[in-house]
Amino acid sequence: MKNLCFAFILLLLGFSCQKEPTVTQKIANAHGFENWDKVTNISFTFGEKRSWKWSVKTNDIILTTKEDTISYNQSALDSTSLKADRAFINDKFWLLIPFQLVWDKTASVSEMAKETAPISKTLMNKITITYPNNGGYTPGDAYDIFFDDDYIIKEWIFRRGNTKEPSLINSFENYQNFNGIKIAQNHKTPDGKQVAKLTHIKINLK
């Protein structure tokens, strides 16, 4: 009986010691982050201009445009592939922003607050992610991310160089499920203009 009570106490202590997921972890999980470890390959087209094939485990990347096809590995960039990789980082950010919130360890994340979203004018949860001034392709940029109570991203404000005034405001629309990973395929400004469109998305799992 004593052993049983001791085991029960240890079980309770184990549960009490478990850390509450951070807000960014909750956002990532709401978009299917638990499936990421099983992903082997991703292909997608950004803005009907750049088509990507990404071997996730090896970071081999193929960019196809109307003009050219470039193959490279992120561990060995030259002047040509560096330009392609800048585009890839941008396009992947749009594709997987919920996961970038967890991956980008150098970025700072604000406390969650309630604030009126800029497009829908509804009260939503908001965090701000700010990148450091040094390093990366877009140093110092900030994103005000608005999400619902299910931790699904609905809108954001991009502020280049962490300026007070918005550089871009857009929605996250047309969510689709790709092997357990939720991706918003359409992004529109307050006046309905499409600023980013993600198509031909395929996510392969092992």
Foldseek 3Di string as FASTA:
>chain_A
DVVVVVVVVVVVVVVVPDDDDDLLVLLLVLQQVVQVVFWQWKWKDKPVAWIWIAGPVQQWIWIDGPVDIDTDHPVDDDPVVVVVVLVVVVRVCQWRVSVVSVVVVQKDKADWDWDQAPQVRDIFIWMKIFADQDDDDQHGKMKIWTDHPSSHTFKIFIDRNPDPDGPFIWTQADWDAAPRGTGRQFIAGNVGHTDMGMDPIHTDGD
